[in-house]
Amino acid sequence: MSKFSKRSMILMPTAEEDKAITAAARSDPDAQPLTQKQLKSMVPVHGRS
């Protein structure tokens, strides 16, 4: 069996990296993170049938 999977692996940022990413996003007026209200109002999109 191969050591490597054919699937892409998603590496989640550490807490420190997440804080840096969030700070950078908040400093850009054109790319503000979504608010909790905006996130709650989102509806999942289902694939085409």
C-alpha atoms as a PDB file:
ATOM      1  CA  MET A   1       0.000   0.000   0.000  1.00  0.00           C
ATOM      2  CA  SER A   2       1.298   3.440  -0.898  1.00  0.00           C
ATOM      3  CA  LYS A   3       2.136   5.931   1.832  1.00  0.00           C
ATOM      4  CA  PHE A   4       0.484   8.695  -0.155  1.00  0.00           C
ATOM      5  CA  SER A   5      -3.213   9.037  -0.792  1.00  0.00           C
ATOM      6  CA  LYS A   6      -4.437  10.096  -4.221  1.00  0.00           C
ATOM      7  CA  ARG A   7      -6.843  12.481  -2.496  1.00  0.00           C
ATOM      8  CA  SER A   8      -5.793  16.019  -1.694  1.00  0.00           C
ATOM      9  CA  MET A   9      -5.166  16.624   1.961  1.00  0.00           C
ATOM     10  CA  ILE A  10      -6.544  19.752   3.599  1.00  0.00           C
ATOM     11  CA  LEU A  11      -4.189  21.216   6.173  1.00  0.00           C
ATOM     12  CA  MET A  12      -6.047  23.316   8.719  1.00  0.00           C
ATOM     13  CA  PRO A  13      -4.229  26.382  10.059  1.00  0.00           C
ATOM     14  CA  THR A  14      -3.031  26.484  13.644  1.00  0.00           C
ATOM     15  CA  ALA A  15      -4.742  28.886  16.050  1.00  0.00           C
ATOM     16  CA  GLU A  16      -1.860  31.341  15.578  1.00  0.00           C
ATOM     17  CA  GLU A  17      -2.077  31.120  11.769  1.00  0.00           C
ATOM     18  CA  ASP A  18      -5.863  31.528  11.927  1.00  0.00           C
ATOM     19  CA  LYS A  19      -5.492  34.727  13.962  1.00  0.00           C
ATOM     20  CA  ALA A  20      -2.997  36.106  11.411  1.00  0.00           C
ATOM     21  CA  ILE A  21      -5.295  35.208   8.497  1.00  0.00           C
ATOM     22  CA  THR A  22      -8.301  36.817  10.211  1.00  0.00           C
ATOM     23  CA  ALA A  23      -6.317  39.966  11.054  1.00  0.00           C
ATOM     24  CA  ALA A  24      -5.189  40.275   7.431  1.00  0.00           C
ATOM     25  CA  ALA A  25      -8.769  39.815   6.176  1.00  0.00           C
ATOM     26  CA  ARG A  26     -10.124  42.429   8.584  1.00  0.00           C
ATOM     27  CA  SER A  27      -7.476  44.948   7.482  1.00  0.00           C
ATOM     28  CA  ASP A  28      -8.667  44.747   3.840  1.00  0.00           C
ATOM     29  CA  PRO A  29     -11.840  46.839   3.418  1.00  0.00           C
ATOM     30  CA  ASP A  30     -12.710  45.006   0.184  1.00  0.00           C
ATOM     31  CA  ALA A  31     -12.517  41.515   1.688  1.00  0.00           C
ATOM     32  CA  GLN A  32     -14.280  41.571   5.038  1.00  0.00           C
ATOM     33  CA  PRO A  33     -15.138  38.248   6.711  1.00  0.00           C
ATOM     34  CA  LEU A  34     -18.827  37.355   6.820  1.00  0.00           C
ATOM     35  CA  THR A  35     -20.733  38.219   9.981  1.00  0.00           C
ATOM     36  CA  GLN A  36     -22.455  35.531  12.046  1.00  0.00           C
ATOM     37  CA  LYS A  37     -25.813  36.838  10.762  1.00  0.00           C
ATOM     38  CA  GLN A  38     -24.636  36.494   7.140  1.00  0.00           C
ATOM     39  CA  LEU A  39     -23.296  32.977   7.779  1.00  0.00           C
ATOM     40  CA  LYS A  40     -26.580  31.854   9.375  1.00  0.00           C
ATOM     41  CA  SER A  41     -28.600  33.161   6.419  1.00  0.00           C
ATOM     42  CA  MET A  42     -26.638  31.080   3.879  1.00  0.00           C
ATOM     43  CA  VAL A  43     -28.369  28.113   2.282  1.00  0.00           C
ATOM     44  CA  PRO A  44     -26.413  25.089   1.012  1.00  0.00           C
ATOM     45  CA  VAL A  45     -26.376  24.622  -2.750  1.00  0.00           C
ATOM     46  CA  HIS A  46     -27.094  21.117  -3.973  1.00  0.00           C
ATOM     47  CA  GLY A  47     -25.350  19.665  -7.004  1.00  0.00           C
ATOM     48  CA  ARG A  48     -26.999  19.582 -10.383  1.00  0.00           C
ATOM     49  CA  SER A  49     -29.271  16.652 -11.055  1.00  0.00           C
END
